[in-house]
Each structure stands twice: as C-alpha cells, then as structure tokens.
Amino acid sequence: MTGKERGDYREIARGLGTVIRYAPGDVLFREGEDPTYMYFVLSGRIEVKSHGKFIEFIEDGRALGTVSMVDKNPRSATAEAVVVSEVALIDQKKFRFMVEEIPGFCWFVMDVLVHRLRATNQAL
C-alpha cells in the first residue's frame, strides 16, 4: 500500500501527540519496557530490533509501538533513531481516540501490525 491508500496521519499525530526530536543513537523504547506511547514518525528513520536482531526501519508517516498499545504487554523490540528524527508520542487515551474517531485510522493500525508481523517473520 502506498501512503495515500493508508492515509497520512502525520498532522493529526502532530496535533494530538507530544513531538520529540531524537538524535542518532537515541533510544525511543527498549525491549521489555512497559508501553506508554505509540510513536508516529513525522520525519527521520528509526531502527527496530528484537533480541538484538534487525527487524526493520520505520520512516516518515509510519508508526511503531502499536502492538503494545493494543495488547498492553511489554515492548517486544527496541527502537533507536538512525538519523535526526521527529516523532509524535501518542498516549493510550489519544490512541484510542484516533482508532475510534478518526476515519480510516483503524485500517492504518491494522496495516502497521501486518507490516510488523511480516517484517518479523522475514527476519527469523
């Protein structure tokens, strides 16, 4: 799917979330941590690893941390900025609002989850 088919939710995420700028090497979250936010990449590139193994890069317009927002279990991966990255942090309450009230956002989340599953399977 292209960004247009998924929808571009960057401006909504920017408006609802807390925008943080990460430098290369900054860790957004670590494997095993309790979930607090979904991370929406406004610009930049984030590397995702699980058990020290590369899973994928997340770039502009994509999100990460959605699995833990849905099931509320500890993080299954570590996410680290590769380049200077601007990310909107979306808490649980705002995540639920987006899923329930913003047309098409639930499809965006399902796309993110399926993409993550396929990337993880490919990395195995």
N, C-alpha and C. Protein backbone atom coordinates (compact mmCIF):
# COMPACT_ATOMS: atom_id res chain seq x y z
N MET A 1 0.83 -1.19 0.00
CA MET A 1 0.00 0.00 0.00
C MET A 1 0.87 1.24 0.00
N THR A 2 0.44 2.23 -0.69
CA THR A 2 1.16 3.49 -0.68
C THR A 2 0.66 4.34 0.48
N GLY A 3 1.38 5.41 0.77
CA GLY A 3 0.98 6.31 1.84
C GLY A 3 -0.42 6.86 1.64
N LYS A 4 -0.80 7.13 0.40
CA LYS A 4 -2.13 7.69 0.13
C LYS A 4 -3.22 6.67 0.44
N GLU A 5 -3.00 5.40 0.11
CA GLU A 5 -4.01 4.38 0.41
C GLU A 5 -4.15 4.17 1.92
N ARG A 6 -3.05 4.27 2.66
CA ARG A 6 -3.07 4.12 4.11
C ARG A 6 -3.63 5.36 4.77
N GLY A 7 -3.45 6.48 4.16
CA GLY A 7 -3.79 7.75 4.77
C GLY A 7 -2.54 8.34 5.41
N ASP A 8 -2.45 9.64 5.40
CA ASP A 8 -1.32 10.30 6.02
C ASP A 8 -1.82 10.98 7.29
N TYR A 9 -1.44 10.44 8.41
CA TYR A 9 -1.94 10.90 9.70
C TYR A 9 -0.90 11.72 10.46
N ARG A 10 0.15 12.16 9.76
CA ARG A 10 1.22 12.89 10.44
C ARG A 10 0.73 14.18 11.11
N GLU A 11 -0.09 14.95 10.42
CA GLU A 11 -0.54 16.22 11.02
C GLU A 11 -1.48 15.99 12.19
N ILE A 12 -2.30 14.95 12.11
CA ILE A 12 -3.18 14.62 13.24
C ILE A 12 -2.33 14.18 14.42
N ALA A 13 -1.34 13.32 14.16
CA ALA A 13 -0.46 12.86 15.23
C ALA A 13 0.31 14.03 15.84
N ARG A 14 0.76 14.94 14.99
CA ARG A 14 1.48 16.12 15.48
C ARG A 14 0.58 16.94 16.41
N GLY A 15 -0.69 17.10 16.03
CA GLY A 15 -1.62 17.89 16.83
C GLY A 15 -2.03 17.23 18.13
N LEU A 16 -2.17 15.91 18.12
CA LEU A 16 -2.62 15.19 19.31
C LEU A 16 -1.48 14.75 20.23
N GLY A 17 -0.32 14.53 19.65
CA GLY A 17 0.78 13.95 20.42
C GLY A 17 1.74 14.99 20.97
N THR A 18 2.74 14.47 21.64
CA THR A 18 3.86 15.27 22.12
C THR A 18 5.01 15.04 21.15
N VAL A 19 5.48 16.09 20.50
CA VAL A 19 6.51 15.95 19.48
C VAL A 19 7.89 16.04 20.13
N ILE A 20 8.70 15.02 19.86
CA ILE A 20 10.06 14.92 20.39
C ILE A 20 11.03 14.77 19.22
N ARG A 21 12.18 15.41 19.34
CA ARG A 21 13.24 15.26 18.34
C ARG A 21 14.30 14.33 18.93
N TYR A 22 14.61 13.27 18.20
CA TYR A 22 15.62 12.30 18.63
C TYR A 22 16.87 12.45 17.77
N ALA A 23 18.02 12.39 18.41
CA ALA A 23 19.30 12.40 17.71
C ALA A 23 19.68 10.97 17.34
N PRO A 24 20.56 10.80 16.34
CA PRO A 24 21.02 9.45 16.01
C PRO A 24 21.56 8.74 17.26
N GLY A 25 21.12 7.51 17.48
CA GLY A 25 21.55 6.73 18.64
C GLY A 25 20.62 6.83 19.83
N ASP A 26 19.71 7.81 19.84
CA ASP A 26 18.74 7.92 20.93
C ASP A 26 17.76 6.75 20.86
N VAL A 27 17.46 6.17 22.01
CA VAL A 27 16.53 5.04 22.09
C VAL A 27 15.13 5.57 22.44
N LEU A 28 14.15 5.20 21.63
CA LEU A 28 12.76 5.59 21.89
C LEU A 28 12.17 4.72 22.99
N PHE A 29 12.40 3.41 22.87
CA PHE A 29 11.98 2.46 23.90
C PHE A 29 12.81 1.20 23.77
N ARG A 30 12.83 0.44 24.87
CA ARG A 30 13.62 -0.80 24.91
C ARG A 30 12.72 -2.02 25.08
N GLU A 31 13.18 -3.10 24.50
CA GLU A 31 12.51 -4.38 24.64
C GLU A 31 12.30 -4.67 26.13
N GLY A 32 11.09 -5.09 26.49
CA GLY A 32 10.78 -5.44 27.87
C GLY A 32 10.16 -4.31 28.67
N GLU A 33 10.27 -3.06 28.20
CA GLU A 33 9.68 -1.94 28.93
C GLU A 33 8.15 -1.96 28.82
N ASP A 34 7.51 -1.41 29.83
CA ASP A 34 6.06 -1.26 29.77
C ASP A 34 5.71 -0.19 28.74
N PRO A 35 4.61 -0.38 28.02
CA PRO A 35 4.24 0.59 26.98
C PRO A 35 3.61 1.85 27.57
N THR A 36 3.99 2.97 27.02
CA THR A 36 3.40 4.24 27.40
C THR A 36 2.83 4.94 26.17
N TYR A 37 3.52 4.82 25.05
CA TYR A 37 3.14 5.55 23.85
C TYR A 37 3.21 4.69 22.60
N MET A 38 2.45 5.13 21.59
CA MET A 38 2.67 4.75 20.21
C MET A 38 3.54 5.87 19.66
N TYR A 39 4.48 5.55 18.79
CA TYR A 39 5.40 6.53 18.24
C TYR A 39 5.09 6.71 16.76
N PHE A 40 4.81 7.94 16.36
CA PHE A 40 4.46 8.24 14.98
C PHE A 40 5.61 9.04 14.37
N VAL A 41 6.29 8.46 13.39
CA VAL A 41 7.46 9.11 12.80
C VAL A 41 7.00 10.22 11.85
N LEU A 42 7.27 11.45 12.25
CA LEU A 42 6.93 12.60 11.42
C LEU A 42 8.00 12.82 10.36
N SER A 43 9.26 12.61 10.75
CA SER A 43 10.38 12.66 9.81
C SER A 43 11.53 11.89 10.43
N GLY A 44 12.36 11.32 9.58
CA GLY A 44 13.52 10.59 10.09
C GLY A 44 13.46 9.11 9.79
N ARG A 45 14.25 8.36 10.57
CA ARG A 45 14.37 6.91 10.36
C ARG A 45 14.68 6.25 11.69
N ILE A 46 13.88 5.25 12.04
CA ILE A 46 14.01 4.52 13.30
C ILE A 46 14.31 3.06 12.99
N GLU A 47 15.30 2.50 13.69
CA GLU A 47 15.64 1.09 13.53
C GLU A 47 14.96 0.29 14.63
N VAL A 48 14.33 -0.82 14.24
CA VAL A 48 13.67 -1.71 15.19
C VAL A 48 14.44 -3.02 15.24
N LYS A 49 14.79 -3.43 16.47
CA LYS A 49 15.48 -4.71 16.69
C LYS A 49 14.75 -5.48 17.78
N SER A 50 14.77 -6.81 17.66
CA SER A 50 14.20 -7.68 18.69
C SER A 50 15.23 -8.76 19.01
N HIS A 51 15.53 -8.93 20.27
CA HIS A 51 16.56 -9.88 20.71
C HIS A 51 17.88 -9.60 19.99
N GLY A 52 18.16 -8.32 19.74
CA GLY A 52 19.40 -7.92 19.09
C GLY A 52 19.43 -8.12 17.59
N LYS A 53 18.33 -8.62 17.02
CA LYS A 53 18.28 -8.89 15.58
C LYS A 53 17.48 -7.80 14.87
N PHE A 54 18.05 -7.28 13.76
CA PHE A 54 17.37 -6.25 12.98
C PHE A 54 16.03 -6.76 12.46
N ILE A 55 14.99 -5.94 12.65
CA ILE A 55 13.65 -6.28 12.13
C ILE A 55 13.33 -5.40 10.93
N GLU A 56 13.39 -4.06 11.12
CA GLU A 56 13.05 -3.16 10.03
C GLU A 56 13.40 -1.72 10.39
N PHE A 57 13.33 -0.86 9.37
CA PHE A 57 13.42 0.58 9.55
C PHE A 57 12.01 1.15 9.43
N ILE A 58 11.69 2.11 10.28
CA ILE A 58 10.41 2.82 10.23
C ILE A 58 10.73 4.26 9.83
N GLU A 59 10.05 4.75 8.80
CA GLU A 59 10.35 6.08 8.28
C GLU A 59 9.10 6.96 8.27
N ASP A 60 9.23 8.15 7.68
CA ASP A 60 8.18 9.16 7.64
C ASP A 60 6.79 8.58 7.39
N GLY A 61 5.85 8.99 8.23
CA GLY A 61 4.46 8.61 8.04
C GLY A 61 4.08 7.25 8.59
N ARG A 62 5.05 6.53 9.14
CA ARG A 62 4.78 5.20 9.70
C ARG A 62 4.78 5.29 11.22
N ALA A 63 4.27 4.26 11.86
CA ALA A 63 4.18 4.26 13.31
C ALA A 63 4.81 3.00 13.87
N LEU A 64 5.21 3.07 15.13
CA LEU A 64 5.72 1.90 15.83
C LEU A 64 5.24 1.96 17.28
N GLY A 65 5.31 0.81 17.93
CA GLY A 65 4.79 0.73 19.30
C GLY A 65 3.31 0.44 19.33
N THR A 66 2.73 0.12 18.19
CA THR A 66 1.29 -0.13 18.13
C THR A 66 0.90 -1.46 18.77
N VAL A 67 1.76 -2.47 18.65
CA VAL A 67 1.44 -3.77 19.24
C VAL A 67 1.18 -3.62 20.73
N SER A 68 2.06 -2.92 21.42
CA SER A 68 1.90 -2.72 22.86
C SER A 68 0.74 -1.81 23.21
N MET A 69 0.35 -0.92 22.30
CA MET A 69 -0.83 -0.08 22.55
C MET A 69 -2.09 -0.94 22.50
N VAL A 70 -2.08 -1.96 21.65
CA VAL A 70 -3.25 -2.83 21.51
C VAL A 70 -3.33 -3.85 22.64
N ASP A 71 -2.21 -4.55 22.92
CA ASP A 71 -2.28 -5.62 23.92
C ASP A 71 -1.76 -5.24 25.31
N LYS A 72 -1.15 -4.06 25.43
CA LYS A 72 -0.66 -3.52 26.70
C LYS A 72 0.43 -4.37 27.37
N ASN A 73 1.04 -5.25 26.59
CA ASN A 73 2.14 -6.07 27.11
C ASN A 73 3.46 -5.33 26.93
N PRO A 74 4.51 -5.77 27.62
CA PRO A 74 5.82 -5.12 27.48
C PRO A 74 6.30 -5.09 26.04
N ARG A 75 7.15 -4.14 25.73
CA ARG A 75 7.69 -3.97 24.39
C ARG A 75 8.40 -5.24 23.93
N SER A 76 8.16 -5.62 22.68
CA SER A 76 8.78 -6.82 22.11
C SER A 76 10.03 -6.48 21.31
N ALA A 77 10.38 -5.19 21.26
CA ALA A 77 11.52 -4.76 20.46
C ALA A 77 12.12 -3.49 21.06
N THR A 78 13.28 -3.12 20.55
CA THR A 78 13.94 -1.86 20.89
C THR A 78 13.92 -0.99 19.65
N ALA A 79 13.66 0.30 19.84
CA ALA A 79 13.62 1.24 18.73
C ALA A 79 14.64 2.35 18.97
N GLU A 80 15.48 2.61 17.96
CA GLU A 80 16.55 3.59 18.07
C GLU A 80 16.59 4.48 16.83
N ALA A 81 16.76 5.78 17.03
CA ALA A 81 16.87 6.70 15.90
C ALA A 81 18.17 6.46 15.15
N VAL A 82 18.08 6.43 13.82
CA VAL A 82 19.25 6.24 12.97
C VAL A 82 19.77 7.60 12.49
N VAL A 83 18.85 8.51 12.25
CA VAL A 83 19.16 9.89 11.84
C VAL A 83 18.33 10.79 12.74
N VAL A 84 18.55 12.10 12.66
CA VAL A 84 17.71 13.02 13.42
C VAL A 84 16.26 12.75 13.01
N SER A 85 15.43 12.50 14.00
CA SER A 85 14.04 12.09 13.74
C SER A 85 13.08 12.88 14.62
N GLU A 86 11.98 13.31 14.02
CA GLU A 86 10.92 13.98 14.75
C GLU A 86 9.78 12.99 14.88
N VAL A 87 9.36 12.75 16.13
CA VAL A 87 8.39 11.70 16.42
C VAL A 87 7.29 12.26 17.32
N ALA A 88 6.04 11.92 17.00
CA ALA A 88 4.92 12.30 17.86
C ALA A 88 4.60 11.12 18.77
N LEU A 89 4.60 11.36 20.08
CA LEU A 89 4.27 10.34 21.06
C LEU A 89 2.77 10.44 21.34
N ILE A 90 2.08 9.33 21.14
CA ILE A 90 0.63 9.26 21.32
C ILE A 90 0.34 8.36 22.50
N ASP A 91 -0.26 8.89 23.55
CA ASP A 91 -0.56 8.06 24.72
C ASP A 91 -1.78 7.17 24.47
N GLN A 92 -2.07 6.29 25.40
CA GLN A 92 -3.14 5.31 25.26
C GLN A 92 -4.50 5.98 25.01
N LYS A 93 -4.81 7.02 25.75
CA LYS A 93 -6.10 7.70 25.61
C LYS A 93 -6.25 8.31 24.20
N LYS A 94 -5.20 8.96 23.72
CA LYS A 94 -5.26 9.57 22.39
C LYS A 94 -5.23 8.52 21.29
N PHE A 95 -4.51 7.42 21.54
CA PHE A 95 -4.50 6.30 20.58
C PHE A 95 -5.92 5.76 20.41
N ARG A 96 -6.61 5.53 21.52
CA ARG A 96 -7.99 5.02 21.45
C ARG A 96 -8.90 6.02 20.73
N PHE A 97 -8.71 7.31 21.01
CA PHE A 97 -9.49 8.33 20.33
C PHE A 97 -9.28 8.24 18.82
N MET A 98 -8.02 8.13 18.40
CA MET A 98 -7.72 8.06 16.98
C MET A 98 -8.35 6.83 16.33
N VAL A 99 -8.28 5.68 17.01
CA VAL A 99 -8.87 4.45 16.47
C VAL A 99 -10.38 4.58 16.36
N GLU A 100 -11.00 5.15 17.39
CA GLU A 100 -12.47 5.20 17.44
C GLU A 100 -13.08 6.36 16.66
N GLU A 101 -12.35 7.46 16.53
CA GLU A 101 -12.97 8.67 15.98
C GLU A 101 -12.43 9.16 14.64
N ILE A 102 -11.25 8.74 14.25
CA ILE A 102 -10.66 9.25 13.01
C ILE A 102 -10.87 8.23 11.89
N PRO A 103 -11.66 8.62 10.89
CA PRO A 103 -11.97 7.68 9.80
C PRO A 103 -10.71 7.09 9.16
N GLY A 104 -10.72 5.78 9.02
CA GLY A 104 -9.62 5.08 8.37
C GLY A 104 -8.42 4.77 9.23
N PHE A 105 -8.34 5.37 10.43
CA PHE A 105 -7.15 5.15 11.25
C PHE A 105 -7.03 3.69 11.71
N CYS A 106 -8.15 3.03 11.96
CA CYS A 106 -8.06 1.62 12.37
C CYS A 106 -7.44 0.77 11.25
N TRP A 107 -7.69 1.14 9.99
CA TRP A 107 -7.07 0.43 8.87
C TRP A 107 -5.58 0.71 8.82
N PHE A 108 -5.20 1.93 9.14
CA PHE A 108 -3.78 2.28 9.23
C PHE A 108 -3.10 1.41 10.29
N VAL A 109 -3.73 1.27 11.46
CA VAL A 109 -3.17 0.46 12.55
C VAL A 109 -3.05 -0.99 12.12
N MET A 110 -4.08 -1.53 11.47
CA MET A 110 -4.00 -2.92 11.01
C MET A 110 -2.88 -3.09 10.00
N ASP A 111 -2.69 -2.11 9.12
CA ASP A 111 -1.60 -2.18 8.16
C ASP A 111 -0.25 -2.19 8.87
N VAL A 112 -0.10 -1.34 9.89
CA VAL A 112 1.14 -1.29 10.67
C VAL A 112 1.40 -2.65 11.33
N LEU A 113 0.36 -3.24 11.93
CA LEU A 113 0.51 -4.52 12.62
C LEU A 113 0.88 -5.64 11.65
N VAL A 114 0.23 -5.67 10.50
CA VAL A 114 0.53 -6.70 9.50
C VAL A 114 1.95 -6.51 8.95
N HIS A 115 2.32 -5.26 8.69
CA HIS A 115 3.67 -4.98 8.20
C HIS A 115 4.72 -5.45 9.21
N ARG A 116 4.47 -5.18 10.49
CA ARG A 116 5.40 -5.60 11.54
C ARG A 116 5.50 -7.11 11.61
N LEU A 117 4.37 -7.80 11.51
CA LEU A 117 4.37 -9.27 11.54
C LEU A 117 5.18 -9.84 10.38
N ARG A 118 4.98 -9.29 9.20
CA ARG A 118 5.71 -9.77 8.03
C ARG A 118 7.22 -9.47 8.15
N ALA A 119 7.55 -8.29 8.64
CA ALA A 119 8.97 -7.93 8.82
C ALA A 119 9.63 -8.84 9.83
N THR A 120 8.92 -9.15 10.91
CA THR A 120 9.47 -10.03 11.95
C THR A 120 9.65 -11.44 11.40
N ASN A 121 8.66 -11.93 10.68
CA ASN A 121 8.76 -13.27 10.08
C ASN A 121 9.92 -13.34 9.10
N GLN A 122 10.12 -12.30 8.32
CA GLN A 122 11.22 -12.28 7.36
C GLN A 122 12.57 -12.28 8.07
N ALA A 123 12.64 -11.63 9.22
CA ALA A 123 13.90 -11.54 9.96
C ALA A 123 14.27 -12.86 10.64
N LEU A 124 13.29 -13.73 10.83
CA LEU A 124 13.56 -15.00 11.54
C LEU A 124 14.39 -15.95 10.73
